[in-house]
Amino acid sequence: MNGDKKAAAYRLGLITLLILAVLTAAEYFVSIYLGSLVLLFIIALVKAAIIVQNFMHIARLWREESH
């Protein structure tokens, strides 16, 4: 069972890495070809939300603790 949790954590980390890489590439192309600060800000907010959700475990703040 512990191996399943470890594999799921690695999978989540890899998916998060790929999503952040795609969003970073999108930021690059938006800045080069569009120059839209609003779109860059929205992409940055999405990236920040992904990082907070996956790596800072903010969702645990609202969960009931089990002993």
Protein backbone atom coordinates (compact mmCIF):
# COMPACT_ATOMS: atom_id res chain seq x y z
CA MET A 1 0.00 0.00 0.00
CA ASN A 2 2.86 2.38 0.79
CA GLY A 3 4.30 1.81 -2.67
CA ASP A 4 1.01 2.90 -4.23
CA LYS A 5 1.06 6.18 -2.31
CA LYS A 6 4.66 6.80 -3.30
CA ALA A 7 3.90 6.09 -6.98
CA ALA A 8 0.88 8.42 -6.84
CA ALA A 9 3.02 11.17 -5.28
CA TYR A 10 5.66 10.79 -8.01
CA ARG A 11 2.96 10.84 -10.69
CA LEU A 12 1.41 14.00 -9.21
CA GLY A 13 4.84 15.66 -9.06
CA LEU A 14 5.58 14.75 -12.67
CA ILE A 15 2.20 16.00 -13.90
CA THR A 16 2.69 19.23 -11.96
CA LEU A 17 6.16 19.66 -13.44
CA LEU A 18 4.82 19.16 -16.97
CA ILE A 19 1.95 21.60 -16.46
CA LEU A 20 4.31 24.24 -15.06
CA ALA A 21 6.70 23.70 -17.98
CA VAL A 22 3.88 24.17 -20.50
CA LEU A 23 2.68 27.32 -18.72
CA THR A 24 6.23 28.68 -18.65
CA ALA A 25 6.55 28.10 -22.40
CA ALA A 26 3.17 29.82 -22.85
CA GLU A 27 4.46 32.78 -20.83
CA TYR A 28 7.48 33.00 -23.08
CA PHE A 29 5.42 33.01 -26.27
CA VAL A 30 2.88 35.46 -24.88
CA SER A 31 5.65 37.85 -23.89
CA ILE A 32 7.43 37.58 -27.26
CA TYR A 33 4.47 37.61 -29.66
CA LEU A 34 1.56 39.21 -27.79
CA GLY A 35 3.11 41.34 -25.09
CA SER A 36 -0.06 41.21 -23.03
CA LEU A 37 0.66 41.95 -19.37
CA VAL A 38 -2.85 40.92 -18.37
CA LEU A 39 -2.43 37.47 -19.94
CA LEU A 40 1.00 37.09 -18.35
CA PHE A 41 -0.48 37.98 -14.96
CA ILE A 42 -3.26 35.41 -15.37
CA ILE A 43 -0.77 32.69 -16.31
CA ALA A 44 1.39 33.62 -13.30
CA LEU A 45 -1.64 33.36 -11.00
CA VAL A 46 -2.51 29.93 -12.38
CA LYS A 47 1.07 28.76 -11.85
CA ALA A 48 1.09 30.10 -8.30
CA ALA A 49 -2.19 28.33 -7.53
CA ILE A 50 -0.81 25.03 -8.85
CA ILE A 51 2.32 25.37 -6.72
CA VAL A 52 0.37 26.26 -3.58
CA GLN A 53 -2.10 23.43 -4.08
CA ASN A 54 0.39 20.68 -4.86
CA PHE A 55 3.53 21.55 -2.91
CA MET A 56 2.35 23.62 0.04
CA HIS A 57 -0.61 21.36 0.87
CA ILE A 58 -2.92 24.25 1.69
CA ALA A 59 -5.97 21.97 1.34
CA ARG A 60 -4.95 20.25 4.59
CA LEU A 61 -5.81 23.40 6.53
CA TRP A 62 -9.52 22.79 6.03
CA ARG A 63 -9.56 19.03 6.60
CA GLU A 64 -10.60 17.40 9.83
CA GLU A 65 -7.67 15.86 11.63
CA SER A 66 -7.91 12.15 12.32
CA HIS A 67 -6.02 10.47 15.11
